[in-house]
Amino acid sequence: SKDLKGAMEILIEQKRQKLSTVEKLDEHMDFASQLIFAQNRGDLTAENVNQCVLEMMIAAPDTLSVTLFFMLILIAEHPTVEEEVMREIETVMGKQELQ
């Protein structure tokens, strides 16, 4: 746990450095960036930021897999929604192969 916390601190510091050098912030605004700016405003402590990012890294894969599973089940149960999703994918992707 101590090694993981140390690794998170390093990654957050790297993100903080990157944010301080970018020209267009909107291209780099993600959850970690929002946390860093909240710390800069004094809304969060460094420990709060580290804990949030750590929890996101640990919990996200589990939550994401369960959410995707249920989403796919619901799409499979509603063929008209599946058709709409496929049409939207084709509209956005055109003839490009999905990866």
Protein backbone atom coordinates (compact mmCIF):
# COMPACT_ATOMS: atom_id res chain seq x y z
CA SER A 1 0.00 0.00 0.00
CA LYS A 2 2.88 2.35 0.84
CA ASP A 3 4.53 1.65 -2.54
CA LEU A 4 1.24 2.25 -4.34
CA LYS A 5 0.71 5.56 -2.54
CA GLY A 6 4.24 6.61 -3.46
CA ALA A 7 3.64 5.70 -7.10
CA MET A 8 0.40 7.73 -7.07
CA GLU A 9 2.21 10.75 -5.64
CA ILE A 10 4.78 10.54 -8.45
CA LEU A 11 2.07 10.25 -11.13
CA ILE A 12 0.11 13.17 -9.67
CA GLU A 13 3.24 15.30 -9.58
CA GLN A 14 3.95 14.42 -13.22
CA LYS A 15 0.38 15.43 -14.11
CA ARG A 16 0.80 18.67 -12.15
CA GLN A 17 4.00 19.47 -14.09
CA LYS A 18 2.30 18.71 -17.41
CA LEU A 19 -0.64 20.98 -16.53
CA SER A 20 1.73 23.83 -15.72
CA THR A 21 3.28 23.70 -19.21
CA VAL A 22 0.30 23.13 -21.54
CA GLU A 23 -1.04 25.93 -23.69
CA LYS A 24 -4.67 24.76 -23.93
CA LEU A 25 -5.99 23.46 -20.64
CA ASP A 26 -9.31 22.22 -22.03
CA GLU A 27 -7.51 19.46 -23.95
CA HIS A 28 -6.04 18.14 -20.69
CA MET A 29 -8.97 18.54 -18.31
CA ASP A 30 -9.83 15.23 -16.72
CA PHE A 31 -10.76 14.09 -13.23
CA ALA A 32 -7.17 14.18 -11.95
CA SER A 33 -6.73 17.71 -13.36
CA GLN A 34 -9.89 18.87 -11.60
CA LEU A 35 -8.60 17.43 -8.33
CA ILE A 36 -5.24 19.17 -8.76
CA PHE A 37 -6.96 22.51 -9.42
CA ALA A 38 -9.21 21.98 -6.39
CA GLN A 39 -6.06 21.51 -4.31
CA ASN A 40 -4.55 24.67 -5.81
CA ARG A 41 -7.69 26.60 -4.77
CA GLY A 42 -7.42 25.17 -1.26
CA ASP A 43 -10.58 23.05 -1.55
CA LEU A 44 -8.64 19.78 -1.12
CA THR A 45 -5.42 18.72 0.55
CA ALA A 46 -2.65 16.81 -1.23
CA GLU A 47 -3.71 13.75 0.76
CA ASN A 48 -7.31 14.16 -0.50
CA VAL A 49 -6.08 14.28 -4.11
CA ASN A 50 -3.82 11.26 -3.64
CA GLN A 51 -6.61 9.25 -2.00
CA CYS A 52 -9.15 10.11 -4.72
CA VAL A 53 -6.79 9.12 -7.53
CA LEU A 54 -5.77 5.95 -5.71
CA GLU A 55 -9.39 4.92 -5.16
CA MET A 56 -10.21 5.70 -8.78
CA MET A 57 -7.33 3.48 -9.96
CA ILE A 58 -8.28 0.60 -7.69
CA ALA A 59 -12.09 0.73 -7.94
CA ALA A 60 -12.61 1.83 -11.55
CA PRO A 61 -11.79 -1.46 -13.34
CA ASP A 62 -14.27 -3.41 -11.17
CA THR A 63 -17.03 -0.85 -11.49
CA LEU A 64 -16.43 -0.42 -15.21
CA SER A 65 -16.61 -4.14 -15.97
CA VAL A 66 -19.90 -4.56 -14.08
CA THR A 67 -21.40 -1.46 -15.72
CA LEU A 68 -20.35 -2.61 -19.20
CA PHE A 69 -21.78 -6.07 -18.57
CA PHE A 70 -25.19 -4.68 -17.61
CA MET A 71 -25.11 -2.18 -20.47
CA LEU A 72 -24.48 -4.99 -22.98
CA ILE A 73 -27.26 -7.11 -21.44
CA LEU A 74 -29.71 -4.19 -21.73
CA ILE A 75 -28.69 -3.49 -25.32
CA ALA A 76 -29.14 -7.17 -26.20
CA GLU A 77 -32.64 -7.11 -24.67
CA HIS A 78 -33.64 -4.04 -26.74
CA PRO A 79 -32.92 -4.68 -30.45
CA THR A 80 -34.14 -1.22 -31.55
CA VAL A 81 -31.62 0.43 -29.22
CA GLU A 82 -28.92 -1.90 -30.58
CA GLU A 83 -29.79 -0.80 -34.12
CA GLU A 84 -29.61 2.87 -33.12
CA VAL A 85 -26.21 2.33 -31.46
CA MET A 86 -24.90 0.57 -34.58
CA ARG A 87 -26.19 3.38 -36.83
CA GLU A 88 -24.48 5.98 -34.66
CA ILE A 89 -21.21 4.03 -34.69
CA GLU A 90 -21.39 3.78 -38.49
CA THR A 91 -22.18 7.51 -38.76
CA VAL A 92 -19.20 8.47 -36.61
CA MET A 93 -16.72 5.84 -37.82
CA GLY A 94 -17.72 5.62 -41.48
CA LYS A 95 -15.77 2.86 -43.19
CA GLN A 96 -12.99 2.83 -40.58
CA GLU A 97 -12.41 -0.49 -38.91
CA LEU A 98 -13.28 -0.56 -35.22
CA GLN A 99 -10.46 -1.40 -32.84
